[in-house]
């Protein structure tokens, strides 16, 4: 009987742990990106066009990444393209923020907080389910 009680507590705790790991993994890409862009300078860029791409293998969703032009701190003009694709096209002629490497302004990107949304949602659902089940079983099985 005690082993059944243990199963009812360990299994929800496992769901909670897996959920928290998934949430951590989905946020780790943003932390790595933020750290890799440390020391880069911000500039205002003018959108000059858009690249078109697909959302993923077998997907019908079209994605867009802006092409842009910006001026560095020394007044030199640079062309760049975003490495981040989004669901909306940027309007040509509008101003967007970009980050560039002061040591090599040819390296530039859009500042963004990246999150693996599917992994994050699955992790949150598993964590909530695990925490709720663990709390419920802990109350019910308490001596």
Protein backbone atom coordinates (compact mmCIF):
# COMPACT_ATOMS: atom_id res chain seq x y z
CA UNK A 1 0.00 0.00 0.00
CA UNK A 2 2.86 2.37 0.80
CA UNK A 3 4.35 1.78 -2.66
CA UNK A 4 1.06 2.91 -4.27
CA UNK A 5 1.15 6.10 -2.22
CA UNK A 6 4.71 6.65 -3.38
CA UNK A 7 3.70 6.21 -7.04
CA UNK A 8 0.92 8.77 -6.63
CA UNK A 9 3.44 11.28 -5.32
CA UNK A 10 6.45 10.50 -7.51
CA UNK A 11 4.61 10.51 -10.85
CA UNK A 12 3.16 14.04 -10.47
CA UNK A 13 6.53 15.25 -9.17
CA UNK A 14 8.11 13.82 -12.32
CA UNK A 15 5.61 15.74 -14.49
CA UNK A 16 6.43 18.91 -12.54
CA UNK A 17 10.18 18.39 -13.00
CA UNK A 18 9.88 17.67 -16.74
CA UNK A 19 7.69 20.75 -17.13
CA UNK A 20 10.21 22.97 -15.38
CA UNK A 21 13.04 21.58 -17.52
CA UNK A 22 11.07 22.34 -20.70
CA UNK A 23 10.38 25.90 -19.52
CA UNK A 24 14.08 26.37 -18.76
CA UNK A 25 15.13 25.04 -22.15
CA UNK A 26 12.71 27.33 -23.97
CA UNK A 27 14.10 30.38 -22.18
CA UNK A 28 17.77 29.39 -22.45
CA UNK A 29 17.98 30.45 -26.12
CA UNK A 30 17.10 34.01 -25.13
CA UNK A 31 19.71 34.07 -22.40
CA UNK A 32 22.38 32.76 -24.80
CA UNK A 33 21.37 35.34 -27.45
CA UNK A 34 21.41 38.20 -24.93
CA UNK A 35 24.88 37.16 -23.72
CA UNK A 36 26.23 36.88 -27.27
CA UNK A 37 25.04 40.42 -28.08
CA UNK A 38 26.58 41.94 -24.94
CA UNK A 39 28.47 45.11 -25.84
CA UNK A 40 26.75 45.62 -29.18
CA UNK A 41 25.45 49.11 -29.92
CA UNK A 42 21.90 50.06 -30.84
CA UNK A 43 21.06 52.00 -33.98
CA UNK A 44 17.94 53.05 -35.83
CA UNK A 45 17.69 51.30 -39.19
CA UNK A 46 15.51 52.00 -42.21
CA UNK A 47 13.77 48.98 -43.74
CA UNK A 48 14.74 48.53 -47.40
CA UNK A 49 12.99 45.22 -48.15
CA UNK A 50 11.98 41.82 -46.81
CA UNK A 51 13.26 38.28 -47.21
CA UNK A 52 10.63 35.57 -47.59
CA UNK A 53 10.86 32.10 -46.08
CA UNK A 54 8.80 29.17 -44.87
CA UNK A 55 7.83 28.50 -41.29
CA UNK A 56 9.31 25.03 -41.27
CA UNK A 57 9.42 21.73 -43.16
CA UNK A 58 6.05 20.99 -44.71
CA UNK A 59 4.57 24.23 -43.42
CA UNK A 60 2.42 26.59 -45.43
CA UNK A 61 3.20 29.57 -43.18
CA UNK A 62 5.25 32.30 -44.82
CA UNK A 63 7.80 34.15 -42.67
CA UNK A 64 9.59 37.44 -43.26
CA UNK A 65 12.92 38.98 -42.23
CA UNK A 66 13.65 42.65 -42.93
CA UNK A 67 16.54 43.99 -44.95
CA UNK A 68 17.72 47.30 -43.54
CA UNK A 69 20.25 50.12 -43.70
CA UNK A 70 21.78 51.84 -40.67
CA UNK A 71 24.52 54.31 -39.75
CA UNK A 72 27.15 53.31 -37.17
CA UNK A 73 28.66 55.53 -34.47
CA UNK A 74 31.30 56.80 -36.94
CA UNK A 75 28.70 57.88 -39.50
CA UNK A 76 29.37 55.04 -41.93
CA UNK A 77 26.36 53.49 -43.67
CA UNK A 78 25.86 49.71 -43.45
CA UNK A 79 23.42 47.23 -44.94
CA UNK A 80 22.07 44.34 -42.92
CA UNK A 81 19.43 41.67 -42.75
CA UNK A 82 17.71 40.22 -39.78
CA UNK A 83 18.46 36.65 -38.77
CA UNK A 84 15.04 36.49 -37.12
CA UNK A 85 11.99 35.74 -39.21
CA UNK A 86 8.53 36.94 -38.17
CA UNK A 87 4.99 36.46 -39.40
CA UNK A 88 4.59 40.07 -40.62
CA UNK A 89 6.37 41.95 -43.37
CA UNK A 90 8.07 45.16 -42.32
CA UNK A 91 6.93 48.24 -44.23
CA UNK A 92 9.68 49.59 -46.47
CA UNK A 93 10.87 52.99 -45.25
CA UNK A 94 9.93 52.49 -41.59
CA UNK A 95 12.49 52.69 -38.81
CA UNK A 96 13.34 49.63 -36.70
CA UNK A 97 15.87 49.15 -33.91
CA UNK A 98 18.96 47.05 -34.62
CA UNK A 99 22.03 46.02 -32.67
CA UNK A 100 25.45 45.97 -34.33
CA UNK A 101 28.90 44.82 -33.32
CA UNK A 102 31.08 47.94 -32.90
CA UNK A 103 34.20 45.94 -33.81
CA UNK A 104 32.55 44.76 -37.04
CA UNK A 105 29.38 46.71 -37.95
CA UNK A 106 28.71 44.27 -40.80
CA UNK A 107 27.40 42.00 -38.01
CA UNK A 108 23.98 43.27 -37.04
CA UNK A 109 20.62 41.90 -35.95
CA UNK A 110 17.32 42.92 -34.47
CA UNK A 111 17.08 42.88 -30.68
CA UNK A 112 14.57 40.21 -29.74
CA UNK A 113 13.57 37.97 -26.90
CA UNK A 114 13.43 34.45 -28.33
CA UNK A 115 11.20 31.84 -26.78
CA UNK A 116 10.46 28.32 -27.99
CA UNK A 117 6.69 28.83 -27.68
CA UNK A 118 5.62 25.23 -28.19
CA UNK A 119 8.16 23.94 -25.70
CA UNK A 120 7.26 26.71 -23.24
CA UNK A 121 3.53 25.97 -23.41
CA UNK A 122 4.07 22.23 -23.02
CA UNK A 123 6.37 22.85 -20.07
CA UNK A 124 3.90 25.15 -18.35
CA UNK A 125 1.04 22.68 -18.85
CA UNK A 126 3.10 19.78 -17.50
CA UNK A 127 4.32 21.84 -14.53
CA UNK A 128 0.80 23.00 -13.61
CA UNK A 129 -0.60 19.48 -13.99
CA UNK A 130 2.25 18.00 -11.95
CA UNK A 131 2.02 20.59 -9.18
CA UNK A 132 -1.76 20.28 -8.97
CA UNK A 133 -1.72 16.49 -8.94
CA UNK A 134 1.10 16.37 -6.40
CA UNK A 135 -0.71 18.76 -4.06
CA UNK A 136 -4.00 16.89 -4.45
CA UNK A 137 -2.48 13.47 -3.82
CA UNK A 138 -0.39 14.79 -0.93
CA UNK A 139 -3.54 16.06 0.77
CA UNK A 140 -5.59 12.94 0.04
CA UNK A 141 -2.85 10.49 1.02
CA UNK A 142 -1.77 12.34 4.16
CA UNK A 143 -2.08 10.17 7.28
